[in-house]
Amino acid sequence: MFHTKYKIQDTRYRKGFTLIEMLIVITIIALLSSLILVGMGGARTKSRDSRRIADLHNIQIALELYYTKNGTYLVGTYNSSANWDTFVTTLTGAGIGVNQVPKDPLNDTDHYYRYGGTATDYVLGALLEQDDVALNNDIDDTVIGINCTDPVYCIKP
């Protein structure tokens, strides 16, 4: 018979990780992912603001198509999320080839697009979430019923 002074361990049951090892790994992954998500918050805000600015310029193109067909801009003030839906319905139903008009990425009680127009002029606005260089070159007054004071980004034709 073969004798040793060391015990040979039974390795049949040591194929996986222990519960403690799994908890440590999960904790490390959770910490790293929360750091990444916190760091990405500013990037998402900046992305939404960039989209708002681009959307307003695209809406401007639709308004110019409307003006070309009708000889006037849309008359009225659309200064809430519910009013914006009316604006969208009017513009898409005008027969100018516009099937869709964008809404604010958040589209809540604070963040919605604004429009004020007369037959010969209009202003478009959007509330930005953070300071942007675009605010240096926009309109900063109340124009056609739309308050364009920063941080509301406003443009005219």
C-alpha atoms as a PDB file:
ATOM      1  CA  MET A   1       0.000   0.000   0.000  1.00  0.00           C
ATOM      2  CA  PHE A   2       1.214   3.508  -0.902  1.00  0.00           C
ATOM      3  CA  HIS A   3       1.340   5.992   1.982  1.00  0.00           C
ATOM      4  CA  THR A   4       2.063   9.727   1.977  1.00  0.00           C
ATOM      5  CA  LYS A   5       1.919  12.214   4.715  1.00  0.00           C
ATOM      6  CA  TYR A   6      -0.162  14.606   2.551  1.00  0.00           C
ATOM      7  CA  LYS A   7      -3.848  14.140   1.986  1.00  0.00           C
ATOM      8  CA  ILE A   8      -5.017  14.119  -1.580  1.00  0.00           C
ATOM      9  CA  GLN A   9      -8.047  16.402  -1.933  1.00  0.00           C
ATOM     10  CA  ASP A  10     -11.116  15.285  -3.762  1.00  0.00           C
ATOM     11  CA  THR A  11     -11.284  17.724  -6.731  1.00  0.00           C
ATOM     12  CA  ARG A  12     -14.636  16.553  -8.039  1.00  0.00           C
ATOM     13  CA  TYR A  13     -16.504  19.397  -6.315  1.00  0.00           C
ATOM     14  CA  ARG A  14     -14.030  22.308  -6.912  1.00  0.00           C
ATOM     15  CA  LYS A  15     -14.905  23.128 -10.526  1.00  0.00           C
ATOM     16  CA  GLY A  16     -16.728  26.493  -9.988  1.00  0.00           C
ATOM     17  CA  PHE A  17     -16.365  29.727  -8.096  1.00  0.00           C
ATOM     18  CA  THR A  18     -17.334  30.159  -4.500  1.00  0.00           C
ATOM     19  CA  LEU A  19     -20.185  32.466  -3.530  1.00  0.00           C
ATOM     20  CA  ILE A  20     -17.740  34.994  -2.067  1.00  0.00           C
ATOM     21  CA  GLU A  21     -15.721  35.112  -5.301  1.00  0.00           C
ATOM     22  CA  MET A  22     -18.892  35.680  -7.320  1.00  0.00           C
ATOM     23  CA  LEU A  23     -20.065  38.490  -5.007  1.00  0.00           C
ATOM     24  CA  ILE A  24     -16.698  40.235  -5.277  1.00  0.00           C
ATOM     25  CA  VAL A  25     -16.739  40.084  -9.079  1.00  0.00           C
ATOM     26  CA  ILE A  26     -20.347  41.350  -9.255  1.00  0.00           C
ATOM     27  CA  THR A  27     -19.502  44.222  -6.889  1.00  0.00           C
ATOM     28  CA  ILE A  28     -16.517  45.271  -9.005  1.00  0.00           C
ATOM     29  CA  ILE A  29     -18.570  45.160 -12.206  1.00  0.00           C
ATOM     30  CA  ALA A  30     -21.364  47.205 -10.581  1.00  0.00           C
ATOM     31  CA  LEU A  31     -18.893  49.862  -9.410  1.00  0.00           C
ATOM     32  CA  LEU A  32     -17.266  50.149 -12.831  1.00  0.00           C
ATOM     33  CA  SER A  33     -20.590  50.350 -14.671  1.00  0.00           C
ATOM     34  CA  SER A  34     -21.935  53.030 -12.316  1.00  0.00           C
ATOM     35  CA  LEU A  35     -18.808  55.128 -12.896  1.00  0.00           C
ATOM     36  CA  ILE A  36     -19.258  54.817 -16.642  1.00  0.00           C
ATOM     37  CA  LEU A  37     -22.962  55.726 -16.476  1.00  0.00           C
ATOM     38  CA  VAL A  38     -22.260  58.807 -14.357  1.00  0.00           C
ATOM     39  CA  GLY A  39     -19.598  59.895 -16.838  1.00  0.00           C
ATOM     40  CA  MET A  40     -21.948  59.393 -19.776  1.00  0.00           C
ATOM     41  CA  GLY A  41     -24.714  61.620 -18.315  1.00  0.00           C
ATOM     42  CA  GLY A  42     -23.131  64.812 -19.641  1.00  0.00           C
ATOM     43  CA  ALA A  43     -22.617  63.272 -23.060  1.00  0.00           C
ATOM     44  CA  ARG A  44     -26.290  62.293 -23.284  1.00  0.00           C
ATOM     45  CA  THR A  45     -27.354  65.810 -22.306  1.00  0.00           C
ATOM     46  CA  LYS A  46     -25.050  67.327 -24.934  1.00  0.00           C
ATOM     47  CA  SER A  47     -26.384  64.870 -27.511  1.00  0.00           C
ATOM     48  CA  ARG A  48     -30.004  65.833 -26.789  1.00  0.00           C
ATOM     49  CA  ASP A  49     -29.126  69.541 -27.052  1.00  0.00           C
ATOM     50  CA  SER A  50     -27.381  68.972 -30.396  1.00  0.00           C
ATOM     51  CA  ARG A  51     -30.423  67.107 -31.641  1.00  0.00           C
ATOM     52  CA  ARG A  52     -32.689  69.991 -30.563  1.00  0.00           C
ATOM     53  CA  ILE A  53     -30.615  72.496 -32.531  1.00  0.00           C
ATOM     54  CA  ALA A  54     -30.581  70.250 -35.609  1.00  0.00           C
ATOM     55  CA  ASP A  55     -34.335  69.608 -35.302  1.00  0.00           C
ATOM     56  CA  LEU A  56     -35.101  73.337 -35.286  1.00  0.00           C
ATOM     57  CA  HIS A  57     -33.110  73.800 -38.484  1.00  0.00           C
ATOM     58  CA  ASN A  58     -34.987  70.897 -40.100  1.00  0.00           C
ATOM     59  CA  ILE A  59     -38.311  72.405 -39.026  1.00  0.00           C
ATOM     60  CA  GLN A  60     -37.161  75.671 -40.617  1.00  0.00           C
ATOM     61  CA  ILE A  61     -36.864  73.866 -43.944  1.00  0.00           C
ATOM     62  CA  ALA A  62     -40.433  72.557 -43.574  1.00  0.00           C
ATOM     63  CA  LEU A  63     -41.658  76.070 -42.771  1.00  0.00           C
ATOM     64  CA  GLU A  64     -39.991  77.438 -45.890  1.00  0.00           C
ATOM     65  CA  LEU A  65     -41.759  74.748 -47.948  1.00  0.00           C
ATOM     66  CA  TYR A  66     -45.027  75.798 -46.305  1.00  0.00           C
ATOM     67  CA  TYR A  67     -44.297  79.456 -47.132  1.00  0.00           C
ATOM     68  CA  THR A  68     -43.466  78.609 -50.744  1.00  0.00           C
ATOM     69  CA  LYS A  69     -46.789  76.803 -51.195  1.00  0.00           C
ATOM     70  CA  ASN A  70     -49.071  79.178 -49.235  1.00  0.00           C
ATOM     71  CA  GLY A  71     -47.347  82.559 -49.429  1.00  0.00           C
ATOM     72  CA  THR A  72     -47.443  82.904 -45.610  1.00  0.00           C
ATOM     73  CA  TYR A  73     -45.995  81.190 -42.569  1.00  0.00           C
ATOM     74  CA  LEU A  74     -48.178  79.383 -40.055  1.00  0.00           C
ATOM     75  CA  VAL A  75     -49.899  82.017 -37.934  1.00  0.00           C
ATOM     76  CA  GLY A  76     -50.163  81.361 -34.199  1.00  0.00           C
ATOM     77  CA  THR A  77     -48.294  80.564 -31.033  1.00  0.00           C
ATOM     78  CA  TYR A  78     -47.523  76.968 -30.154  1.00  0.00           C
ATOM     79  CA  ASN A  79     -45.894  77.224 -26.761  1.00  0.00           C
ATOM     80  CA  SER A  80     -46.545  73.926 -24.956  1.00  0.00           C
ATOM     81  CA  SER A  81     -46.174  70.229 -25.577  1.00  0.00           C
ATOM     82  CA  ALA A  82     -49.897  69.863 -26.403  1.00  0.00           C
ATOM     83  CA  ASN A  83     -49.833  72.885 -28.718  1.00  0.00           C
ATOM     84  CA  TRP A  84     -46.824  71.414 -30.505  1.00  0.00           C
ATOM     85  CA  ASP A  85     -48.945  68.413 -31.492  1.00  0.00           C
ATOM     86  CA  THR A  86     -51.395  70.829 -33.151  1.00  0.00           C
ATOM     87  CA  PHE A  87     -48.484  72.498 -34.963  1.00  0.00           C
ATOM     88  CA  VAL A  88     -47.241  69.102 -36.178  1.00  0.00           C
ATOM     89  CA  THR A  89     -50.715  68.138 -37.440  1.00  0.00           C
ATOM     90  CA  THR A  90     -51.068  71.437 -39.302  1.00  0.00           C
ATOM     91  CA  LEU A  91     -47.644  71.208 -40.920  1.00  0.00           C
ATOM     92  CA  THR A  92     -47.888  67.535 -41.920  1.00  0.00           C
ATOM     93  CA  GLY A  93     -51.394  68.018 -43.298  1.00  0.00           C
ATOM     94  CA  ALA A  94     -50.423  71.010 -45.434  1.00  0.00           C
ATOM     95  CA  GLY A  95     -49.546  68.921 -48.491  1.00  0.00           C
ATOM     96  CA  ILE A  96     -45.925  70.079 -48.684  1.00  0.00           C
ATOM     97  CA  GLY A  97     -44.338  66.624 -48.570  1.00  0.00           C
ATOM     98  CA  VAL A  98     -43.584  66.710 -44.860  1.00  0.00           C
ATOM     99  CA  ASN A  99     -44.742  63.495 -43.195  1.00  0.00           C
ATOM    100  CA  GLN A 100     -43.125  63.952 -39.846  1.00  0.00           C
ATOM    101  CA  VAL A 101     -42.049  66.856 -37.610  1.00  0.00           C
ATOM    102  CA  PRO A 102     -39.672  66.097 -34.726  1.00  0.00           C
ATOM    103  CA  LYS A 103     -40.525  66.485 -31.060  1.00  0.00           C
ATOM    104  CA  ASP A 104     -38.112  67.346 -28.267  1.00  0.00           C
ATOM    105  CA  PRO A 105     -36.104  64.273 -27.170  1.00  0.00           C
ATOM    106  CA  LEU A 106     -37.537  64.532 -23.633  1.00  0.00           C
ATOM    107  CA  ASN A 107     -40.925  66.013 -24.624  1.00  0.00           C
ATOM    108  CA  ASP A 108     -42.123  66.792 -21.111  1.00  0.00           C
ATOM    109  CA  THR A 109     -43.651  69.828 -19.394  1.00  0.00           C
ATOM    110  CA  ASP A 110     -40.376  71.782 -19.632  1.00  0.00           C
ATOM    111  CA  HIS A 111     -38.735  70.424 -22.763  1.00  0.00           C
ATOM    112  CA  TYR A 112     -40.779  70.924 -25.916  1.00  0.00           C
ATOM    113  CA  TYR A 113     -40.335  72.911 -29.107  1.00  0.00           C
ATOM    114  CA  ARG A 114     -41.895  76.361 -29.383  1.00  0.00           C
ATOM    115  CA  TYR A 115     -43.207  78.235 -32.406  1.00  0.00           C
ATOM    116  CA  GLY A 116     -44.618  81.699 -32.835  1.00  0.00           C
ATOM    117  CA  GLY A 117     -45.524  82.967 -36.266  1.00  0.00           C
ATOM    118  CA  THR A 118     -47.137  85.735 -38.241  1.00  0.00           C
ATOM    119  CA  ALA A 119     -47.842  85.743 -41.965  1.00  0.00           C
ATOM    120  CA  THR A 120     -44.369  87.148 -42.691  1.00  0.00           C
ATOM    121  CA  ASP A 121     -42.155  86.047 -39.792  1.00  0.00           C
ATOM    122  CA  TYR A 122     -41.699  83.318 -37.194  1.00  0.00           C
ATOM    123  CA  VAL A 123     -39.491  82.140 -34.355  1.00  0.00           C
ATOM    124  CA  LEU A 124     -38.631  78.584 -33.313  1.00  0.00           C
ATOM    125  CA  GLY A 125     -37.286  77.721 -29.853  1.00  0.00           C
ATOM    126  CA  ALA A 126     -36.122  74.875 -27.664  1.00  0.00           C
ATOM    127  CA  LEU A 127     -35.038  74.766 -24.034  1.00  0.00           C
ATOM    128  CA  LEU A 128     -31.467  73.442 -23.816  1.00  0.00           C
ATOM    129  CA  GLU A 129     -30.361  71.378 -20.830  1.00  0.00           C
ATOM    130  CA  GLN A 130     -26.871  72.867 -20.526  1.00  0.00           C
ATOM    131  CA  ASP A 131     -24.920  75.908 -21.627  1.00  0.00           C
ATOM    132  CA  ASP A 132     -24.041  75.694 -25.313  1.00  0.00           C
ATOM    133  CA  VAL A 133     -22.044  77.974 -27.629  1.00  0.00           C
ATOM    134  CA  ALA A 134     -25.112  78.127 -29.878  1.00  0.00           C
ATOM    135  CA  LEU A 135     -26.752  80.306 -27.217  1.00  0.00           C
ATOM    136  CA  ASN A 136     -24.201  83.040 -28.026  1.00  0.00           C
ATOM    137  CA  ASN A 137     -25.655  83.548 -31.521  1.00  0.00           C
ATOM    138  CA  ASP A 138     -29.387  83.072 -31.013  1.00  0.00           C
ATOM    139  CA  ILE A 139     -32.268  85.427 -30.249  1.00  0.00           C
ATOM    140  CA  ASP A 140     -32.540  86.543 -26.609  1.00  0.00           C
ATOM    141  CA  ASP A 141     -35.863  88.417 -26.360  1.00  0.00           C
ATOM    142  CA  THR A 142     -39.524  87.572 -26.334  1.00  0.00           C
ATOM    143  CA  VAL A 143     -40.449  87.310 -30.004  1.00  0.00           C
ATOM    144  CA  ILE A 144     -43.951  86.617 -31.349  1.00  0.00           C
ATOM    145  CA  GLY A 145     -45.056  85.302 -27.958  1.00  0.00           C
ATOM    146  CA  ILE A 146     -42.042  83.020 -27.463  1.00  0.00           C
ATOM    147  CA  ASN A 147     -39.680  83.713 -24.561  1.00  0.00           C
ATOM    148  CA  CYS A 148     -36.199  83.252 -26.014  1.00  0.00           C
ATOM    149  CA  THR A 149     -34.216  84.140 -22.904  1.00  0.00           C
ATOM    150  CA  ASP A 150     -31.291  81.732 -22.407  1.00  0.00           C
ATOM    151  CA  PRO A 151     -31.214  78.762 -21.955  1.00  0.00           C
ATOM    152  CA  VAL A 152     -33.937  78.745 -24.639  1.00  0.00           C
ATOM    153  CA  TYR A 153     -32.305  78.524 -28.067  1.00  0.00           C
ATOM    154  CA  CYS A 154     -34.321  80.467 -30.674  1.00  0.00           C
ATOM    155  CA  ILE A 155     -33.936  81.012 -34.421  1.00  0.00           C
ATOM    156  CA  LYS A 156     -35.732  83.059 -37.058  1.00  0.00           C
ATOM    157  CA  PRO A 157     -35.677  82.974 -40.854  1.00  0.00           C
END
